[in-house]
Protein backbone atom coordinates (compact mmCIF):
# COMPACT_ATOMS: atom_id res chain seq x y z
CA MET A 1 0.08 0.08 -0.01
CA ALA A 2 1.61 3.27 -1.11
CA LEU A 3 1.73 6.33 0.89
CA ASN A 4 -1.34 8.56 0.35
CA ALA A 5 -0.59 12.17 0.88
CA ARG A 6 -4.27 12.98 1.36
CA ASP A 7 -4.92 10.25 3.99
CA ILE A 8 -1.75 11.31 5.87
CA GLY A 9 -2.93 14.93 5.63
CA LEU A 10 -6.30 14.07 7.20
CA ARG A 11 -4.73 11.99 9.90
CA ALA A 12 -2.20 14.69 10.81
CA ALA A 13 -4.89 17.26 10.90
CA SER A 14 -7.23 15.03 13.16
CA ALA A 15 -4.09 14.41 15.36
CA LEU A 16 -3.38 18.14 15.60
CA VAL A 17 -6.93 18.73 17.11
CA LEU A 18 -7.35 15.78 19.32
CA ALA A 19 -3.81 15.21 20.74
CA PRO A 20 -3.47 18.48 22.46
CA ALA A 21 -6.79 18.04 24.22
CA ALA A 22 -5.88 14.62 25.43
CA VAL A 23 -2.41 15.75 26.61
CA ALA A 24 -3.92 18.66 28.44
CA ALA A 25 -6.48 16.37 30.15
CA VAL A 26 -3.84 13.78 31.23
CA TRP A 27 -1.40 16.54 32.39
CA GLY A 28 -4.25 18.27 34.51
CA GLY A 29 -5.52 15.05 35.93
CA GLY A 30 -8.32 15.08 38.46
CA VAL A 31 -11.63 16.36 37.03
CA TRP A 32 -10.11 17.16 33.81
CA PHE A 33 -9.08 13.64 33.00
CA LEU A 34 -12.18 12.41 34.38
CA ALA A 35 -14.25 14.67 32.23
CA LEU A 36 -12.22 13.37 29.06
CA ILE A 37 -12.81 9.76 29.83
CA ILE A 38 -16.54 10.52 30.46
CA ALA A 39 -16.82 12.20 27.06
CA ALA A 40 -14.94 9.30 25.45
CA VAL A 41 -17.35 6.73 27.23
CA GLY A 42 -20.36 8.58 25.70
CA LEU A 43 -18.93 8.59 22.24
CA LEU A 44 -17.64 5.18 22.32
CA ALA A 45 -21.02 3.81 23.55
CA VAL A 46 -22.85 5.40 20.59
CA GLU A 47 -20.46 4.01 18.10
CA TRP A 48 -20.64 0.44 19.57
CA ALA A 49 -24.54 0.78 19.89
CA ARG A 50 -24.86 1.87 16.20
CA MET A 51 -22.69 -1.11 15.30
CA SER A 52 -24.02 -3.86 17.39
CA ALA A 53 -27.72 -2.80 17.89
CA PRO A 54 -28.69 -0.40 15.05
CA VAL A 55 -32.35 -0.71 15.43
CA ALA A 56 -32.27 0.31 19.22
CA TRP A 57 -28.98 2.17 19.44
CA ARG A 58 -30.12 4.98 21.51
CA ALA A 59 -31.29 2.76 24.42
CA MET A 60 -28.24 0.66 24.34
CA ALA A 61 -25.84 3.48 24.06
CA GLY A 62 -27.58 4.96 27.15
CA ILE A 63 -27.35 1.67 29.20
CA ILE A 64 -23.61 1.19 28.24
CA THR A 65 -22.89 4.81 29.17
CA ILE A 66 -24.54 4.81 32.48
CA ALA A 67 -22.86 1.50 33.42
CA VAL A 68 -19.32 2.63 32.27
CA VAL A 69 -19.63 6.04 33.59
CA ALA A 70 -20.67 4.86 37.07
CA ALA A 71 -17.74 2.42 37.23
CA VAL A 72 -15.22 5.19 36.14
CA VAL A 73 -16.51 7.70 38.69
CA THR A 74 -16.22 4.89 41.28
CA THR A 75 -12.64 4.29 40.18
CA HIS A 76 -11.97 8.06 40.46
CA LEU A 77 -13.11 7.87 43.97
CA GLY A 78 -10.52 5.33 44.90
CA ARG A 79 -12.54 2.21 44.90
CA LEU A 80 -11.36 0.03 41.88
CA PRO A 81 -12.45 -3.36 43.18
CA THR A 82 -16.05 -1.95 43.45
CA ALA A 83 -15.80 -0.42 40.04
CA LEU A 84 -14.87 -3.82 38.45
CA GLY A 85 -17.82 -5.48 40.21
CA MET A 86 -20.05 -2.80 38.85
CA LEU A 87 -18.83 -3.38 35.36
CA ALA A 88 -19.85 -7.01 35.55
CA ILE A 89 -23.30 -5.94 37.14
CA GLY A 90 -23.64 -3.56 34.22
CA ALA A 91 -22.87 -6.05 31.67
CA LEU A 92 -25.44 -8.41 33.10
CA VAL A 93 -28.06 -5.59 33.28
CA GLY A 94 -27.24 -4.54 29.75
CA GLY A 95 -27.47 -7.91 28.21
CA LEU A 96 -30.97 -8.44 29.92
CA ALA A 97 -32.01 -5.17 28.59
CA ALA A 98 -30.98 -6.06 25.12
CA ARG A 99 -32.90 -9.49 25.26
CA LEU A 100 -36.08 -7.83 26.52
CA ARG A 101 -35.91 -5.61 23.32
CA GLY A 102 -35.25 -8.77 21.07
CA LEU A 103 -31.51 -8.05 20.52
CA GLN A 104 -28.47 -10.25 21.24
CA ALA A 105 -27.80 -9.87 24.85
CA LEU A 106 -24.04 -10.70 24.39
CA ASN A 107 -23.30 -7.67 22.14
CA THR A 108 -24.49 -5.08 24.68
CA ALA A 109 -23.01 -6.97 27.64
CA TYR A 110 -19.70 -7.21 25.94
CA GLY A 111 -19.84 -3.60 24.99
CA VAL A 112 -20.00 -2.64 28.61
CA LEU A 113 -16.87 -4.77 29.47
CA TYR A 114 -15.06 -3.82 26.23
CA LEU A 115 -15.42 -0.12 26.65
CA GLY A 116 -15.39 -0.11 30.53
CA TRP A 117 -12.40 -2.09 31.46
CA PRO A 118 -9.93 0.30 29.76
CA CYS A 119 -11.52 3.36 30.80
CA VAL A 120 -11.50 2.17 34.36
CA LEU A 121 -7.94 1.23 34.09
CA LEU A 122 -6.92 4.55 32.63
CA VAL A 123 -8.60 6.42 35.69
CA TRP A 124 -6.77 4.03 38.02
CA LEU A 125 -3.27 4.80 36.40
CA ARG A 126 -3.80 8.50 36.46
CA ASN A 127 -4.68 8.50 40.18
CA ASP A 128 -3.72 11.83 41.49
CA HIS A 129 -2.64 10.42 44.78
CA ASP A 130 0.04 8.38 43.06
CA PRO A 131 3.15 10.60 42.57
CA VAL A 132 4.01 8.85 39.18
CA GLY A 133 0.52 8.31 37.99
CA LEU A 134 0.89 11.02 35.41
CA HIS A 135 4.01 9.13 33.88
CA TRP A 136 2.39 5.88 33.72
CA THR A 137 -0.68 7.22 31.99
CA ALA A 138 1.46 9.05 29.65
CA LEU A 139 3.31 5.70 28.85
CA VAL A 140 -0.06 4.36 27.58
CA PHE A 141 -0.56 7.21 25.15
CA ALA A 142 3.29 7.28 24.04
CA VAL A 143 3.57 3.63 23.31
CA ALA A 144 0.05 3.18 21.72
CA TRP A 145 0.54 6.33 19.46
CA ALA A 146 4.18 5.30 18.58
CA ALA A 147 3.16 1.82 17.66
CA ASP A 148 0.06 2.99 15.66
CA ILE A 149 1.90 5.81 13.64
CA LEU A 150 5.13 3.87 12.81
CA ALA A 151 2.97 0.68 11.84
CA TYR A 152 0.94 2.97 9.40
CA LEU A 153 4.05 4.66 8.08
CA VAL A 154 6.31 1.56 7.76
CA GLY A 155 3.54 -0.64 6.42
CA SER A 156 2.54 1.95 3.72
CA ALA A 157 6.09 2.74 2.68
CA VAL A 158 7.53 -0.78 2.75
CA GLY A 159 4.43 -2.93 2.05
CA GLY A 160 5.02 -6.69 1.65
CA PRO A 161 2.96 -9.58 2.96
CA LYS A 162 -0.35 -9.09 4.74
CA LEU A 163 -0.64 -9.64 8.44
CA TRP A 164 -4.31 -10.78 8.62
CA PRO A 165 -5.84 -10.28 5.11
CA ARG A 166 -9.18 -11.93 6.26
CA PHE A 167 -10.08 -9.01 8.64
CA SER A 168 -7.61 -6.27 7.84
CA PRO A 169 -6.39 -6.36 4.48
CA ASN A 170 -4.17 -3.13 4.60
CA LYS A 171 -2.03 -4.26 7.63
CA THR A 172 1.48 -5.72 6.75
CA TRP A 173 4.04 -7.57 8.58
CA SER A 174 6.45 -4.76 8.00
CA GLY A 175 4.14 -2.48 9.68
CA PHE A 176 3.78 -4.83 12.51
CA ILE A 177 7.53 -4.94 12.97
CA GLY A 178 7.88 -1.25 12.75
CA GLY A 179 4.96 -0.75 15.29
CA LEU A 180 6.72 -3.18 17.76
CA ALA A 181 9.94 -1.42 17.52
CA ALA A 182 8.45 2.12 18.01
CA GLY A 183 6.52 0.91 21.02
CA SER A 184 9.82 -0.64 22.61
CA LEU A 185 11.67 2.55 21.99
CA ALA A 186 8.88 4.71 23.38
CA GLY A 187 8.76 2.42 26.58
CA ALA A 188 12.58 2.72 27.17
CA ALA A 189 12.32 6.53 26.41
CA MET A 190 9.58 7.09 29.08
CA ALA A 191 11.55 4.89 31.70
CA ALA A 192 14.66 6.90 30.87
CA GLY A 193 13.29 10.28 30.94
CA PHE A 194 10.71 10.10 33.79
CA ASP A 195 10.33 8.81 37.11
CA MET A 196 8.53 5.47 36.64
CA GLY A 197 9.21 3.95 40.17
CA ARG A 198 11.30 0.72 39.79
CA LEU A 199 10.75 0.45 36.13
CA THR A 200 14.23 0.52 34.62
CA ILE A 201 15.01 1.24 31.01
CA PHE A 202 15.30 -2.35 29.95
CA TRP A 203 12.06 -3.36 31.51
CA GLY A 204 10.71 -0.14 29.98
CA ALA A 205 11.39 -1.36 26.63
CA VAL A 206 10.02 -4.75 27.44
CA LEU A 207 6.68 -3.23 28.64
CA GLY A 208 6.68 -1.04 25.61
CA LEU A 209 7.00 -4.04 23.46
CA CYS A 210 4.31 -5.98 25.09
CA ALA A 211 1.97 -2.95 25.10
CA ALA A 212 2.73 -2.33 21.44
CA LEU A 213 1.68 -5.77 20.72
CA ALA A 214 -1.34 -5.29 22.56
CA THR A 215 -2.04 -2.01 20.60
CA MET A 216 -1.88 -4.01 17.24
CA ALA A 217 -3.90 -6.82 18.69
CA GLY A 218 -6.69 -4.45 19.71
CA ASP A 219 -6.59 -2.93 16.30
CA LEU A 220 -7.00 -6.24 14.57
CA TRP A 221 -9.63 -7.19 17.06
CA GLU A 222 -11.71 -4.16 16.26
CA SER A 223 -11.33 -4.83 12.57
CA ALA A 224 -12.74 -8.49 13.21
CA LEU A 225 -15.64 -6.92 15.25
CA LYS A 226 -16.41 -4.47 12.35
CA ARG A 227 -16.25 -7.28 9.83
CA ARG A 228 -18.82 -9.23 12.09
CA PHE A 229 -21.08 -6.21 12.04
CA GLY A 230 -20.64 -5.49 8.35
CA VAL A 231 -19.32 -1.91 8.73
CA LYS A 232 -16.17 -0.15 7.42
CA ASP A 233 -15.72 2.16 10.20
CA ALA A 234 -16.98 2.50 13.68
CA GLY A 235 -18.02 6.13 12.95
CA THR A 236 -17.39 9.23 11.20
CA LEU A 237 -16.26 11.50 13.98
CA ILE A 238 -12.39 11.76 13.06
CA PRO A 239 -11.51 12.61 9.35
CA GLY A 240 -9.00 10.08 8.28
CA HIS A 241 -9.67 7.66 10.94
CA GLY A 242 -13.37 6.99 11.06
CA GLY A 243 -14.95 6.91 14.71
CA LEU A 244 -13.31 7.34 17.90
CA LEU A 245 -13.25 3.73 18.41
CA ASP A 246 -11.07 3.21 15.33
CA ARG A 247 -8.53 5.74 16.86
CA VAL A 248 -8.24 4.15 20.34
CA ASP A 249 -8.89 0.49 19.74
CA GLY A 250 -5.25 -0.28 20.05
CA MET A 251 -4.86 1.86 23.25
CA MET A 252 -7.74 0.09 24.86
CA PHE A 253 -5.78 -3.16 24.81
CA ALA A 254 -2.33 -1.49 25.50
CA VAL A 255 -3.66 0.07 28.84
CA VAL A 256 -4.36 -3.47 30.26
CA VAL A 257 -0.73 -4.40 29.55
CA VAL A 258 0.54 -1.13 31.15
CA ALA A 259 -1.71 -1.54 34.18
CA ALA A 260 -0.43 -5.09 34.68
CA GLY A 261 3.28 -3.56 34.57
CA ARG A 262 2.26 -0.81 37.08
CA LEU A 263 0.89 -3.65 39.40
CA VAL A 264 4.06 -5.55 39.21
CA VAL A 265 6.24 -2.42 40.14
CA LEU A 266 3.88 -1.58 42.93
CA TRP A 267 4.51 -5.15 44.20
CA LEU A 268 8.18 -4.84 43.86
CA GLU A 269 8.03 -1.59 45.82
CA GLY A 270 6.05 -3.25 48.66
CA ALA A 271 3.05 -0.95 47.88
CA LEU A 272 0.52 -3.98 47.46
């Protein structure tokens, strides 16, 4: 796939609009970051409902939004275990509500967990009471963005064998390798330049590699979901990208890996 100047221009313009807002909210933390996550939840819920339950998308989007926002706010208040339990209950309620409307219960129940799990973990990572919470949250964005951008650029410029043509015909092995390398370098750079607790440069590179792998797995997984629902993009919100879900699909998987790394470091520091 050759480099497309118009496509790159649209992507760059979208990034110039969205990235500063995300960076400012991550930096500000507190209610600013919470507001960013809540706004994202609402948009993602609409996109998911439109894909998975188009005949009753407003009701399903409302249910998913309420369930996930409740868990996110609970996490912000410092009650992560309770928030995870609330996600499970929200998934159950959402599934039952979908069944009562004659829809597939699994689609709505999965939507609560698929969107809720990464949002809860992002809020947990950014915890204002954690002196390095900002750095760990920034690590998620740095690795996911680096992996995504380099995978696209390398894959477009180099081309070669397709990674998973059945679900994502444009992704290549060259882009996959480029994304892994970029994520590893981003992880090492974050560990070298910022206080990450006991995360060394070497283990930062390893964590970045694993998070980059998760980023691309998340991208492929969303491609498979879109193929299942028969849509090309999750939405039309972002020029050059499609919907918000198309933009953050990889990050949603990467945050799980980074959160696991944070737990390991906290355990090593005796904080658990």
